[in-house]
Amino acid sequence: MGGPGGVANFALAAQVLPATSSGLLDLLSTRGEEIRDLIERGQLGAVYVPALLGKDAALALDDHAGDLPDHRRSQAVRAVRRIVLAAWQLDAFGDLGDREKVTSAYDLYASAIGELKAAYATR
């Protein structure tokens, strides 16, 4: 899975994650915008990089979920799961060059980002 070689692997290994939930949410939003831009430009094979980097940010946000009230915590945990699933789908469907499935996976990814923002906005 994923694209070829060193540069992308370096990018995956080199990401420094913010320590705050707001910083992680900003990073996740940025990754979502990068994915959307790559899809619009037809670079489906490259969406895995921001998708997997965003997945890491979402998983780091999961570590902050304990700070949320119970009902918002469950919302955040569900959204993180959806982002992880969508990231792997973006990777796989991007490798296949399937624009329709990549777009569908991106919609799931973007929706889950919105759900995470809503969960953390009430803190």
PDB file of N, CA and C in Angstrom:
ATOM      1  N   MET A   1       0.827  -1.182   0.000  1.00  0.00           N
ATOM      2  CA  MET A   1       0.000   0.000   0.000  1.00  0.00           C
ATOM      3  C   MET A   1       0.869   1.242   0.000  1.00  0.00           C
ATOM      4  N   GLY A   2       0.257   2.352  -0.348  1.00  0.00           N
ATOM      5  CA  GLY A   2       0.978   3.608  -0.369  1.00  0.00           C
ATOM      6  C   GLY A   2       1.820   3.729  -1.621  1.00  0.00           C
ATOM      7  N   GLY A   3       2.403   4.882  -1.774  1.00  0.00           N
ATOM      8  CA  GLY A   3       3.195   5.159  -2.953  1.00  0.00           C
ATOM      9  C   GLY A   3       4.617   4.674  -2.774  1.00  0.00           C
ATOM     10  N   PRO A   4       5.397   4.885  -3.794  1.00  0.00           N
ATOM     11  CA  PRO A   4       6.772   4.411  -3.740  1.00  0.00           C
ATOM     12  C   PRO A   4       7.638   5.282  -2.853  1.00  0.00           C
ATOM     13  N   GLY A   5       8.551   4.675  -2.239  1.00  0.00           N
ATOM     14  CA  GLY A   5       9.762   5.195  -1.749  1.00  0.00           C
ATOM     15  C   GLY A   5       9.879   6.154  -0.609  1.00  0.00           C
ATOM     16  N   GLY A   6      11.111   6.658  -0.585  1.00  0.00           N
ATOM     17  CA  GLY A   6      11.665   7.315   0.552  1.00  0.00           C
ATOM     18  C   GLY A   6      11.042   8.618   0.983  1.00  0.00           C
ATOM     19  N   VAL A   7      10.713   9.523   0.060  1.00  0.00           N
ATOM     20  CA  VAL A   7      10.254  10.845   0.466  1.00  0.00           C
ATOM     21  C   VAL A   7       8.974  10.739   1.286  1.00  0.00           C
ATOM     22  N   ALA A   8       7.996  10.000   0.798  1.00  0.00           N
ATOM     23  CA  ALA A   8       6.738   9.859   1.529  1.00  0.00           C
ATOM     24  C   ALA A   8       6.952   9.141   2.856  1.00  0.00           C
ATOM     25  N   ASN A   9       7.778   8.113   2.857  1.00  0.00           N
ATOM     26  CA  ASN A   9       8.050   7.411   4.108  1.00  0.00           C
ATOM     27  C   ASN A   9       8.714   8.340   5.106  1.00  0.00           C
ATOM     28  N   PHE A  10       9.611   9.197   4.619  1.00  0.00           N
ATOM     29  CA  PHE A  10      10.243  10.178   5.488  1.00  0.00           C
ATOM     30  C   PHE A  10       9.189  11.125   6.056  1.00  0.00           C
ATOM     31  N   ALA A  11       8.280  11.581   5.198  1.00  0.00           N
ATOM     32  CA  ALA A  11       7.234  12.504   5.654  1.00  0.00           C
ATOM     33  C   ALA A  11       6.385  11.849   6.732  1.00  0.00           C
ATOM     34  N   LEU A  12       6.070  10.584   6.562  1.00  0.00           N
ATOM     35  CA  LEU A  12       5.268   9.879   7.567  1.00  0.00           C
ATOM     36  C   LEU A  12       6.015   9.777   8.889  1.00  0.00           C
ATOM     37  N   ALA A  13       7.302   9.512   8.813  1.00  0.00           N
ATOM     38  CA  ALA A  13       8.084   9.338  10.036  1.00  0.00           C
ATOM     39  C   ALA A  13       8.418  10.672  10.695  1.00  0.00           C
ATOM     40  N   ALA A  14       8.479  11.745   9.910  1.00  0.00           N
ATOM     41  CA  ALA A  14       8.992  13.011  10.408  1.00  0.00           C
ATOM     42  C   ALA A  14       7.928  13.932  11.003  1.00  0.00           C
ATOM     43  N   GLN A  15       6.670  13.590  10.894  1.00  0.00           N
ATOM     44  CA  GLN A  15       5.633  14.483  11.390  1.00  0.00           C
ATOM     45  C   GLN A  15       5.739  14.637  12.907  1.00  0.00           C
ATOM     46  N   VAL A  16       5.780  15.857  13.337  1.00  0.00           N
ATOM     47  CA  VAL A  16       5.776  16.165  14.759  1.00  0.00           C
ATOM     48  C   VAL A  16       4.351  16.600  15.104  1.00  0.00           C
ATOM     49  N   LEU A  17       3.744  15.892  16.028  1.00  0.00           N
ATOM     50  CA  LEU A  17       2.350  16.169  16.367  1.00  0.00           C
ATOM     51  C   LEU A  17       2.256  17.225  17.456  1.00  0.00           C
ATOM     52  N   PRO A  18       1.320  18.149  17.299  1.00  0.00           N
ATOM     53  CA  PRO A  18       1.084  19.134  18.357  1.00  0.00           C
ATOM     54  C   PRO A  18       0.657  18.443  19.649  1.00  0.00           C
ATOM     55  N   ALA A  19       0.883  19.104  20.754  1.00  0.00           N
ATOM     56  CA  ALA A  19       0.547  18.529  22.060  1.00  0.00           C
ATOM     57  C   ALA A  19      -0.875  18.856  22.495  1.00  0.00           C
ATOM     58  N   THR A  20      -1.522  19.815  21.827  1.00  0.00           N
ATOM     59  CA  THR A  20      -2.855  20.245  22.245  1.00  0.00           C
ATOM     60  C   THR A  20      -3.923  19.715  21.294  1.00  0.00           C
ATOM     61  N   SER A  21      -5.129  19.598  21.808  1.00  0.00           N
ATOM     62  CA  SER A  21      -6.228  19.144  20.953  1.00  0.00           C
ATOM     63  C   SER A  21      -6.512  20.153  19.853  1.00  0.00           C
ATOM     64  N   SER A  22      -6.417  21.450  20.148  1.00  0.00           N
ATOM     65  CA  SER A  22      -6.671  22.448  19.098  1.00  0.00           C
ATOM     66  C   SER A  22      -5.600  22.380  18.003  1.00  0.00           C
ATOM     67  N   GLY A  23      -4.355  22.152  18.384  1.00  0.00           N
ATOM     68  CA  GLY A  23      -3.293  21.992  17.397  1.00  0.00           C
ATOM     69  C   GLY A  23      -3.487  20.757  16.544  1.00  0.00           C
ATOM     70  N   LEU A  24      -3.921  19.673  17.167  1.00  0.00           N
ATOM     71  CA  LEU A  24      -4.186  18.437  16.426  1.00  0.00           C
ATOM     72  C   LEU A  24      -5.353  18.608  15.470  1.00  0.00           C
ATOM     73  N   LEU A  25      -6.396  19.306  15.912  1.00  0.00           N
ATOM     74  CA  LEU A  25      -7.548  19.565  15.040  1.00  0.00           C
ATOM     75  C   LEU A  25      -7.135  20.415  13.840  1.00  0.00           C
ATOM     76  N   ASP A  26      -6.295  21.422  14.078  1.00  0.00           N
ATOM     77  CA  ASP A  26      -5.807  22.247  12.973  1.00  0.00           C
ATOM     78  C   ASP A  26      -5.002  21.415  11.979  1.00  0.00           C
ATOM     79  N   LEU A  27      -4.140  20.555  12.500  1.00  0.00           N
ATOM     80  CA  LEU A  27      -3.330  19.693  11.645  1.00  0.00           C
ATOM     81  C   LEU A  27      -4.218  18.751  10.840  1.00  0.00           C
ATOM     82  N   LEU A  28      -5.210  18.185  11.483  1.00  0.00           N
ATOM     83  CA  LEU A  28      -6.138  17.278  10.809  1.00  0.00           C
ATOM     84  C   LEU A  28      -6.894  18.002   9.697  1.00  0.00           C
ATOM     85  N   SER A  29      -7.315  19.221   9.956  1.00  0.00           N
ATOM     86  CA  SER A  29      -7.996  20.021   8.928  1.00  0.00           C
ATOM     87  C   SER A  29      -7.081  20.297   7.745  1.00  0.00           C
ATOM     88  N   THR A  30      -5.832  20.618   8.049  1.00  0.00           N
ATOM     89  CA  THR A  30      -4.859  20.870   6.980  1.00  0.00           C
ATOM     90  C   THR A  30      -4.674  19.632   6.121  1.00  0.00           C
ATOM     91  N   ARG A  31      -4.555  18.485   6.757  1.00  0.00           N
ATOM     92  CA  ARG A  31      -4.402  17.232   5.995  1.00  0.00           C
ATOM     93  C   ARG A  31      -5.637  16.970   5.134  1.00  0.00           C
ATOM     94  N   GLY A  32      -6.813  17.242   5.663  1.00  0.00           N
ATOM     95  CA  GLY A  32      -8.043  17.073   4.878  1.00  0.00           C
ATOM     96  C   GLY A  32      -8.054  17.970   3.650  1.00  0.00           C
ATOM     97  N   GLU A  33      -7.604  19.212   3.813  1.00  0.00           N
ATOM     98  CA  GLU A  33      -7.528  20.135   2.676  1.00  0.00           C
ATOM     99  C   GLU A  33      -6.525  19.645   1.637  1.00  0.00           C
ATOM    100  N   GLU A  34      -5.410  19.091   2.101  1.00  0.00           N
ATOM    101  CA  GLU A  34      -4.408  18.549   1.181  1.00  0.00           C
ATOM    102  C   GLU A  34      -4.990  17.390   0.374  1.00  0.00           C
ATOM    103  N   ILE A  35      -5.756  16.527   1.037  1.00  0.00           N
ATOM    104  CA  ILE A  35      -6.375  15.398   0.339  1.00  0.00           C
ATOM    105  C   ILE A  35      -7.332  15.915  -0.724  1.00  0.00           C
ATOM    106  N   ARG A  36      -8.184  16.863  -0.341  1.00  0.00           N
ATOM    107  CA  ARG A  36      -9.162  17.424  -1.290  1.00  0.00           C
ATOM    108  C   ARG A  36      -8.446  18.012  -2.506  1.00  0.00           C
ATOM    109  N   ASP A  37      -7.355  18.741  -2.260  1.00  0.00           N
ATOM    110  CA  ASP A  37      -6.597  19.343  -3.352  1.00  0.00           C
ATOM    111  C   ASP A  37      -6.004  18.272  -4.275  1.00  0.00           C
ATOM    112  N   LEU A  38      -5.459  17.221  -3.702  1.00  0.00           N
ATOM    113  CA  LEU A  38      -4.887  16.148  -4.515  1.00  0.00           C
ATOM    114  C   LEU A  38      -5.959  15.464  -5.359  1.00  0.00           C
ATOM    115  N   ILE A  39      -7.125  15.255  -4.792  1.00  0.00           N
ATOM    116  CA  ILE A  39      -8.222  14.640  -5.542  1.00  0.00           C
ATOM    117  C   ILE A  39      -8.627  15.552  -6.698  1.00  0.00           C
ATOM    118  N   GLU A  40      -8.768  16.842  -6.415  1.00  0.00           N
ATOM    119  CA  GLU A  40      -9.154  17.788  -7.458  1.00  0.00           C
ATOM    120  C   GLU A  40      -8.138  17.832  -8.594  1.00  0.00           C
ATOM    121  N   ARG A  41      -6.865  17.645  -8.271  1.00  0.00           N
ATOM    122  CA  ARG A  41      -5.811  17.652  -9.290  1.00  0.00           C
ATOM    123  C   ARG A  41      -5.619  16.284  -9.940  1.00  0.00           C
ATOM    124  N   GLY A  42      -6.382  15.287  -9.501  1.00  0.00           N
ATOM    125  CA  GLY A  42      -6.286  13.959 -10.087  1.00  0.00           C
ATOM    126  C   GLY A  42      -5.095  13.148  -9.623  1.00  0.00           C
ATOM    127  N   GLN A  43      -4.453  13.564  -8.556  1.00  0.00           N
ATOM    128  CA  GLN A  43      -3.281  12.855  -8.040  1.00  0.00           C
ATOM    129  C   GLN A  43      -3.709  11.856  -6.964  1.00  0.00           C
ATOM    130  N   LEU A  44      -4.483  10.867  -7.389  1.00  0.00           N
ATOM    131  CA  LEU A  44      -5.078   9.922  -6.449  1.00  0.00           C
ATOM    132  C   LEU A  44      -4.039   9.061  -5.746  1.00  0.00           C
ATOM    133  N   GLY A  45      -2.963   8.747  -6.419  1.00  0.00           N
ATOM    134  CA  GLY A  45      -1.924   7.916  -5.824  1.00  0.00           C
ATOM    135  C   GLY A  45      -1.163   8.601  -4.705  1.00  0.00           C
ATOM    136  N   ALA A  46      -1.331   9.909  -4.565  1.00  0.00           N
ATOM    137  CA  ALA A  46      -0.607  10.664  -3.537  1.00  0.00           C
ATOM    138  C   ALA A  46      -1.451  10.956  -2.299  1.00  0.00           C
ATOM    139  N   VAL A  47      -2.735  10.626  -2.322  1.00  0.00           N
ATOM    140  CA  VAL A  47      -3.594  10.984  -1.187  1.00  0.00           C
ATOM    141  C   VAL A  47      -3.235  10.235   0.088  1.00  0.00           C
ATOM    142  N   TYR A  48      -2.527   9.134  -0.053  1.00  0.00           N
ATOM    143  CA  TYR A  48      -2.217   8.346   1.142  1.00  0.00           C
ATOM    144  C   TYR A  48      -1.337   9.104   2.129  1.00  0.00           C
ATOM    145  N   VAL A  49      -0.463   9.987   1.639  1.00  0.00           N
ATOM    146  CA  VAL A  49       0.451  10.674   2.557  1.00  0.00           C
ATOM    147  C   VAL A  49      -0.323  11.554   3.540  1.00  0.00           C
ATOM    148  N   PRO A  50      -1.117  12.536   3.065  1.00  0.00           N
ATOM    149  CA  PRO A  50      -1.859  13.339   4.039  1.00  0.00           C
ATOM    150  C   PRO A  50      -2.926  12.527   4.782  1.00  0.00           C
ATOM    151  N   ALA A  51      -3.464  11.494   4.146  1.00  0.00           N
ATOM    152  CA  ALA A  51      -4.482  10.673   4.822  1.00  0.00           C
ATOM    153  C   ALA A  51      -3.886   9.964   6.034  1.00  0.00           C
ATOM    154  N   LEU A  52      -2.725   9.372   5.865  1.00  0.00           N
ATOM    155  CA  LEU A  52      -2.113   8.636   6.976  1.00  0.00           C
ATOM    156  C   LEU A  52      -1.525   9.579   8.018  1.00  0.00           C
ATOM    157  N   LEU A  53      -1.039  10.740   7.586  1.00  0.00           N
ATOM    158  CA  LEU A  53      -0.581  11.735   8.550  1.00  0.00           C
ATOM    159  C   LEU A  53      -1.766  12.256   9.361  1.00  0.00           C
ATOM    160  N   GLY A  54      -2.896  12.467   8.709  1.00  0.00           N
ATOM    161  CA  GLY A  54      -4.107  12.882   9.417  1.00  0.00           C
ATOM    162  C   GLY A  54      -4.606  11.813  10.375  1.00  0.00           C
ATOM    163  N   LYS A  55      -4.492  10.565   9.963  1.00  0.00           N
ATOM    164  CA  LYS A  55      -4.870   9.455  10.838  1.00  0.00           C
ATOM    165  C   LYS A  55      -4.067   9.507  12.134  1.00  0.00           C
ATOM    166  N   ASP A  56      -2.775   9.787  12.017  1.00  0.00           N
ATOM    167  CA  ASP A  56      -1.933   9.885  13.211  1.00  0.00           C
ATOM    168  C   ASP A  56      -2.401  11.017  14.126  1.00  0.00           C
ATOM    169  N   ALA A  57      -2.772  12.139  13.534  1.00  0.00           N
ATOM    170  CA  ALA A  57      -3.285  13.265  14.328  1.00  0.00           C
ATOM    171  C   ALA A  57      -4.592  12.879  15.013  1.00  0.00           C
ATOM    172  N   ALA A  58      -5.454  12.163  14.309  1.00  0.00           N
ATOM    173  CA  ALA A  58      -6.726  11.728  14.900  1.00  0.00           C
ATOM    174  C   ALA A  58      -6.479  10.766  16.061  1.00  0.00           C
ATOM    175  N   LEU A  59      -5.552   9.846  15.883  1.00  0.00           N
ATOM    176  CA  LEU A  59      -5.238   8.908  16.971  1.00  0.00           C
ATOM    177  C   LEU A  59      -4.660   9.643  18.178  1.00  0.00           C
ATOM    178  N   ALA A  60      -3.873  10.675  17.934  1.00  0.00           N
ATOM    179  CA  ALA A  60      -3.349  11.490  19.040  1.00  0.00           C
ATOM    180  C   ALA A  60      -4.487  12.236  19.732  1.00  0.00           C
ATOM    181  N   LEU A  61      -5.476  12.679  18.967  1.00  0.00           N
ATOM    182  CA  LEU A  61      -6.651  13.324  19.564  1.00  0.00           C
ATOM    183  C   LEU A  61      -7.407  12.350  20.458  1.00  0.00           C
ATOM    184  N   ASP A  62      -7.411  11.090  20.063  1.00  0.00           N
ATOM    185  CA  ASP A  62      -8.078  10.066  20.867  1.00  0.00           C
ATOM    186  C   ASP A  62      -7.498  10.032  22.281  1.00  0.00           C
ATOM    187  N   ASP A  63      -6.209  10.339  22.405  1.00  0.00           N
ATOM    188  CA  ASP A  63      -5.572  10.388  23.721  1.00  0.00           C
ATOM    189  C   ASP A  63      -6.102  11.532  24.579  1.00  0.00           C
ATOM    190  N   HIS A  64      -6.678  12.550  23.941  1.00  0.00           N
ATOM    191  CA  HIS A  64      -7.241  13.694  24.660  1.00  0.00           C
ATOM    192  C   HIS A  64      -8.729  13.521  24.974  1.00  0.00           C
ATOM    193  N   ALA A  65      -9.328  12.458  24.485  1.00  0.00           N
ATOM    194  CA  ALA A  65     -10.775  12.268  24.632  1.00  0.00           C
ATOM    195  C   ALA A  65     -11.198  12.172  26.098  1.00  0.00           C
ATOM    196  N   GLY A  66     -10.315  11.741  26.966  1.00  0.00           N
ATOM    197  CA  GLY A  66     -10.638  11.649  28.389  1.00  0.00           C
ATOM    198  C   GLY A  66     -10.958  12.987  29.012  1.00  0.00           C
ATOM    199  N   ASP A  67     -10.559  14.078  28.355  1.00  0.00           N
ATOM    200  CA  ASP A  67     -10.846  15.419  28.855  1.00  0.00           C
ATOM    201  C   ASP A  67     -12.262  15.877  28.515  1.00  0.00           C
ATOM    202  N   LEU A  68     -12.941  15.120  27.681  1.00  0.00           N
ATOM    203  CA  LEU A  68     -14.280  15.502  27.219  1.00  0.00           C
ATOM    204  C   LEU A  68     -15.361  14.922  28.124  1.00  0.00           C
ATOM    205  N   PRO A  69     -16.536  15.578  28.168  1.00  0.00           N
ATOM    206  CA  PRO A  69     -17.680  14.967  28.854  1.00  0.00           C
ATOM    207  C   PRO A  69     -18.047  13.649  28.155  1.00  0.00           C
ATOM    208  N   ASP A  70     -18.697  12.755  28.873  1.00  0.00           N
ATOM    209  CA  ASP A  70     -18.987  11.411  28.349  1.00  0.00           C
ATOM    210  C   ASP A  70     -19.625  11.414  26.966  1.00  0.00           C
ATOM    211  N   HIS A  71     -20.679  12.212  26.772  1.00  0.00           N
ATOM    212  CA  HIS A  71     -21.373  12.177  25.487  1.00  0.00           C
ATOM    213  C   HIS A  71     -20.495  12.703  24.351  1.00  0.00           C
ATOM    214  N   ARG A  72     -19.627  13.650  24.625  1.00  0.00           N
ATOM    215  CA  ARG A  72     -18.710  14.169  23.602  1.00  0.00           C
ATOM    216  C   ARG A  72     -17.538  13.209  23.388  1.00  0.00           C
ATOM    217  N   ARG A  73     -17.158  12.501  24.427  1.00  0.00           N
ATOM    218  CA  ARG A  73     -16.069  11.525  24.312  1.00  0.00           C
ATOM    219  C   ARG A  73     -16.459  10.418  23.340  1.00  0.00           C
ATOM    220  N   SER A  74     -17.664   9.894  23.474  1.00  0.00           N
ATOM    221  CA  SER A  74     -18.087   8.822  22.570  1.00  0.00           C
ATOM    222  C   SER A  74     -18.191   9.336  21.132  1.00  0.00           C
ATOM    223  N   GLN A  75     -18.620  10.583  20.958  1.00  0.00           N
ATOM    224  CA  GLN A  75     -18.671  11.199  19.622  1.00  0.00           C
ATOM    225  C   GLN A  75     -17.258  11.285  19.040  1.00  0.00           C
ATOM    226  N   ALA A  76     -16.304  11.707  19.849  1.00  0.00           N
ATOM    227  CA  ALA A  76     -14.922  11.843  19.386  1.00  0.00           C
ATOM    228  C   ALA A  76     -14.322  10.483  19.041  1.00  0.00           C
ATOM    229  N   VAL A  77     -14.559   9.483  19.867  1.00  0.00           N
ATOM    230  CA  VAL A  77     -14.011   8.148  19.615  1.00  0.00           C
ATOM    231  C   VAL A  77     -14.567   7.574  18.312  1.00  0.00           C
ATOM    232  N   ARG A  78     -15.866   7.757  18.080  1.00  0.00           N
ATOM    233  CA  ARG A  78     -16.472   7.290  16.818  1.00  0.00           C
ATOM    234  C   ARG A  78     -15.840   8.003  15.621  1.00  0.00           C
ATOM    235  N   ALA A  79     -15.639   9.299  15.754  1.00  0.00           N
ATOM    236  CA  ALA A  79     -15.060  10.067  14.651  1.00  0.00           C
ATOM    237  C   ALA A  79     -13.625   9.625  14.360  1.00  0.00           C
ATOM    238  N   VAL A  80     -12.853   9.362  15.396  1.00  0.00           N
ATOM    239  CA  VAL A  80     -11.483   8.885  15.196  1.00  0.00           C
ATOM    240  C   VAL A  80     -11.498   7.549  14.450  1.00  0.00           C
ATOM    241  N   ARG A  81     -12.370   6.667  14.838  1.00  0.00           N
ATOM    242  CA  ARG A  81     -12.472   5.369  14.141  1.00  0.00           C
ATOM    243  C   ARG A  81     -12.795   5.563  12.670  1.00  0.00           C
ATOM    244  N   ARG A  82     -13.718   6.495  12.376  1.00  0.00           N
ATOM    245  CA  ARG A  82     -14.100   6.757  10.988  1.00  0.00           C
ATOM    246  C   ARG A  82     -12.918   7.337  10.203  1.00  0.00           C
ATOM    247  N   ILE A  83     -12.136   8.194  10.838  1.00  0.00           N
ATOM    248  CA  ILE A  83     -10.969   8.759  10.156  1.00  0.00           C
ATOM    249  C   ILE A  83      -9.943   7.675   9.855  1.00  0.00           C
ATOM    250  N   VAL A  84      -9.690   6.807  10.810  1.00  0.00           N
ATOM    251  CA  VAL A  84      -8.734   5.715  10.593  1.00  0.00           C
ATOM    252  C   VAL A  84      -9.190   4.843   9.427  1.00  0.00           C
ATOM    253  N   LEU A  85     -10.464   4.452   9.429  1.00  0.00           N
ATOM    254  CA  LEU A  85     -11.001   3.637   8.342  1.00  0.00           C
ATOM    255  C   LEU A  85     -10.884   4.371   7.004  1.00  0.00           C
ATOM    256  N   ALA A  86     -11.288   5.634   6.986  1.00  0.00           N
ATOM    257  CA  ALA A  86     -11.244   6.403   5.741  1.00  0.00           C
ATOM    258  C   ALA A  86      -9.805   6.578   5.249  1.00  0.00           C
ATOM    259  N   ALA A  87      -8.859   6.745   6.160  1.00  0.00           N
ATOM    260  CA  ALA A  87      -7.460   6.899   5.754  1.00  0.00           C
ATOM    261  C   ALA A  87      -6.967   5.648   5.033  1.00  0.00           C
ATOM    262  N   TRP A  88      -7.293   4.487   5.569  1.00  0.00           N
ATOM    263  CA  TRP A  88      -6.871   3.242   4.914  1.00  0.00           C
ATOM    264  C   TRP A  88      -7.591   3.062   3.580  1.00  0.00           C
ATOM    265  N   GLN A  89      -8.853   3.483   3.513  1.00  0.00           N
ATOM    266  CA  GLN A  89      -9.578   3.410   2.240  1.00  0.00           C
ATOM    267  C   GLN A  89      -8.961   4.360   1.215  1.00  0.00           C
ATOM    268  N   LEU A  90      -8.617   5.566   1.651  1.00  0.00           N
ATOM    269  CA  LEU A  90      -7.977   6.514   0.740  1.00  0.00           C
ATOM    270  C   LEU A  90      -6.670   5.941   0.194  1.00  0.00           C
ATOM    271  N   ASP A  91      -5.911   5.306   1.045  1.00  0.00           N
ATOM    272  CA  ASP A  91      -4.666   4.670   0.625  1.00  0.00           C
ATOM    273  C   ASP A  91      -4.944   3.598  -0.428  1.00  0.00           C
ATOM    274  N   ALA A  92      -5.837   2.695  -0.116  1.00  0.00           N
ATOM    275  CA  ALA A  92      -6.110   1.565  -1.019  1.00  0.00           C
ATOM    276  C   ALA A  92      -6.751   2.023  -2.330  1.00  0.00           C
ATOM    277  N   PHE A  93      -7.764   2.859  -2.251  1.00  0.00           N
ATOM    278  CA  PHE A  93      -8.465   3.284  -3.461  1.00  0.00           C
ATOM    279  C   PHE A  93      -7.601   4.232  -4.298  1.00  0.00           C
ATOM    280  N   GLY A  94      -6.749   5.003  -3.637  1.00  0.00           N
ATOM    281  CA  GLY A  94      -5.815   5.853  -4.371  1.00  0.00           C
ATOM    282  C   GLY A  94      -4.840   5.018  -5.168  1.00  0.00           C
ATOM    283  N   ASP A  95      -4.357   3.926  -4.569  1.00  0.00           N
ATOM    284  CA  ASP A  95      -3.455   3.011  -5.280  1.00  0.00           C
ATOM    285  C   ASP A  95      -4.122   2.436  -6.514  1.00  0.00           C
ATOM    286  N   LEU A  96      -5.420   2.191  -6.426  1.00  0.00           N
ATOM    287  CA  LEU A  96      -6.165   1.626  -7.548  1.00  0.00           C
ATOM    288  C   LEU A  96      -6.541   2.689  -8.579  1.00  0.00           C
ATOM    289  N   GLY A  97      -6.429   3.960  -8.207  1.00  0.00           N
ATOM    290  CA  GLY A  97      -6.808   5.035  -9.112  1.00  0.00           C
ATOM    291  C   GLY A  97      -8.315   5.171  -9.275  1.00  0.00           C
ATOM    292  N   ASP A  98      -9.065   4.691  -8.293  1.00  0.00           N
ATOM    293  CA  ASP A  98     -10.531   4.709  -8.355  1.00  0.00           C
ATOM    294  C   ASP A  98     -11.049   6.036  -7.783  1.00  0.00           C
ATOM    295  N   ARG A  99     -11.268   7.004  -8.649  1.00  0.00           N
ATOM    296  CA  ARG A  99     -11.661   8.347  -8.224  1.00  0.00           C
ATOM    297  C   ARG A  99     -12.975   8.337  -7.452  1.00  0.00           C
ATOM    298  N   GLU A 100     -13.936   7.554  -7.897  1.00  0.00           N
ATOM    299  CA  GLU A 100     -15.237   7.509  -7.218  1.00  0.00           C
ATOM    300  C   GLU A 100     -15.087   7.017  -5.781  1.00  0.00           C
ATOM    301  N   LYS A 101     -14.342   5.956  -5.579  1.00  0.00           N
ATOM    302  CA  LYS A 101     -14.150   5.424  -4.235  1.00  0.00           C
ATOM    303  C   LYS A 101     -13.263   6.333  -3.387  1.00  0.00           C
ATOM    304  N   VAL A 102     -12.270   6.959  -4.001  1.00  0.00           N
ATOM    305  CA  VAL A 102     -11.427   7.916  -3.272  1.00  0.00           C
ATOM    306  C   VAL A 102     -12.290   9.079  -2.790  1.00  0.00           C
ATOM    307  N   THR A 103     -13.136   9.577  -3.663  1.00  0.00           N
ATOM    308  CA  THR A 103     -14.019  10.688  -3.299  1.00  0.00           C
ATOM    309  C   THR A 103     -14.970  10.295  -2.182  1.00  0.00           C
ATOM    310  N   SER A 104     -15.511   9.105  -2.239  1.00  0.00           N
ATOM    311  CA  SER A 104     -16.401   8.611  -1.187  1.00  0.00           C
ATOM    312  C   SER A 104     -15.658   8.487   0.143  1.00  0.00           C
ATOM    313  N   ALA A 105     -14.442   7.956   0.108  1.00  0.00           N
ATOM    314  CA  ALA A 105     -13.636   7.827   1.329  1.00  0.00           C
ATOM    315  C   ALA A 105     -13.273   9.207   1.870  1.00  0.00           C
ATOM    316  N   TYR A 106     -12.995  10.146   0.985  1.00  0.00           N
ATOM    317  CA  TYR A 106     -12.695  11.509   1.430  1.00  0.00           C
ATOM    318  C   TYR A 106     -13.910  12.132   2.112  1.00  0.00           C
ATOM    319  N   ASP A 107     -15.092  11.895   1.557  1.00  0.00           N
ATOM    320  CA  ASP A 107     -16.310  12.428   2.182  1.00  0.00           C
ATOM    321  C   ASP A 107     -16.460  11.907   3.610  1.00  0.00           C
ATOM    322  N   LEU A 108     -16.179  10.629   3.826  1.00  0.00           N
ATOM    323  CA  LEU A 108     -16.217  10.039   5.165  1.00  0.00           C
ATOM    324  C   LEU A 108     -15.169  10.696   6.063  1.00  0.00           C
ATOM    325  N   TYR A 109     -13.978  10.882   5.530  1.00  0.00           N
ATOM    326  CA  TYR A 109     -12.866  11.500   6.257  1.00  0.00           C
ATOM    327  C   TYR A 109     -13.242  12.918   6.686  1.00  0.00           C
ATOM    328  N   ALA A 110     -13.724  13.709   5.737  1.00  0.00           N
ATOM    329  CA  ALA A 110     -14.079  15.107   6.007  1.00  0.00           C
ATOM    330  C   ALA A 110     -15.243  15.205   6.996  1.00  0.00           C
ATOM    331  N   SER A 111     -16.209  14.332   6.864  1.00  0.00           N
ATOM    332  CA  SER A 111     -17.341  14.319   7.788  1.00  0.00           C
ATOM    333  C   SER A 111     -16.876  14.006   9.212  1.00  0.00           C
ATOM    334  N   ALA A 112     -15.975  13.065   9.330  1.00  0.00           N
ATOM    335  CA  ALA A 112     -15.457  12.695  10.653  1.00  0.00           C
ATOM    336  C   ALA A 112     -14.629  13.829  11.258  1.00  0.00           C
ATOM    337  N   ILE A 113     -13.902  14.576  10.433  1.00  0.00           N
ATOM    338  CA  ILE A 113     -13.177  15.741  10.935  1.00  0.00           C
ATOM    339  C   ILE A 113     -14.164  16.739  11.525  1.00  0.00           C
ATOM    340  N   GLY A 114     -15.264  16.972  10.818  1.00  0.00           N
ATOM    341  CA  GLY A 114     -16.300  17.872  11.325  1.00  0.00           C
ATOM    342  C   GLY A 114     -16.879  17.392  12.642  1.00  0.00           C
ATOM    343  N   GLU A 115     -17.077  16.088  12.752  1.00  0.00           N
ATOM    344  CA  GLU A 115     -17.603  15.516  13.992  1.00  0.00           C
ATOM    345  C   GLU A 115     -16.609  15.687  15.142  1.00  0.00           C
ATOM    346  N   LEU A 116     -15.333  15.512  14.860  1.00  0.00           N
ATOM    347  CA  LEU A 116     -14.308  15.720  15.893  1.00  0.00           C
ATOM    348  C   LEU A 116     -14.271  17.179  16.339  1.00  0.00           C
ATOM    349  N   LYS A 117     -14.340  18.089  15.386  1.00  0.00           N
ATOM    350  CA  LYS A 117     -14.350  19.511  15.730  1.00  0.00           C
ATOM    351  C   LYS A 117     -15.541  19.836  16.626  1.00  0.00           C
ATOM    352  N   ALA A 118     -16.688  19.266  16.317  1.00  0.00           N
ATOM    353  CA  ALA A 118     -17.879  19.501  17.132  1.00  0.00           C
ATOM    354  C   ALA A 118     -17.692  18.940  18.544  1.00  0.00           C
ATOM    355  N   ALA A 119     -17.090  17.770  18.648  1.00  0.00           N
ATOM    356  CA  ALA A 119     -16.887  17.161  19.958  1.00  0.00           C
ATOM    357  C   ALA A 119     -15.958  18.007  20.828  1.00  0.00           C
ATOM    358  N   TYR A 120     -14.914  18.533  20.218  1.00  0.00           N
ATOM    359  CA  TYR A 120     -13.942  19.315  20.992  1.00  0.00           C
ATOM    360  C   TYR A 120     -14.334  20.786  21.143  1.00  0.00           C
ATOM    361  N   ALA A 121     -15.267  21.272  20.360  1.00  0.00           N
ATOM    362  CA  ALA A 121     -15.688  22.671  20.432  1.00  0.00           C
ATOM    363  C   ALA A 121     -16.426  22.971  21.726  1.00  0.00           C
ATOM    364  N   THR A 122     -16.974  21.976  22.368  1.00  0.00           N
ATOM    365  CA  THR A 122     -17.804  22.187  23.555  1.00  0.00           C
ATOM    366  C   THR A 122     -17.012  22.143  24.840  1.00  0.00           C
ATOM    367  N   ARG A 123     -15.707  21.949  24.752  1.00  0.00           N
ATOM    368  CA  ARG A 123     -14.872  21.834  25.961  1.00  0.00           C
ATOM    369  C   ARG A 123     -14.896  23.088  26.768  1.00  0.00           C
TER     370      ARG A 123
END
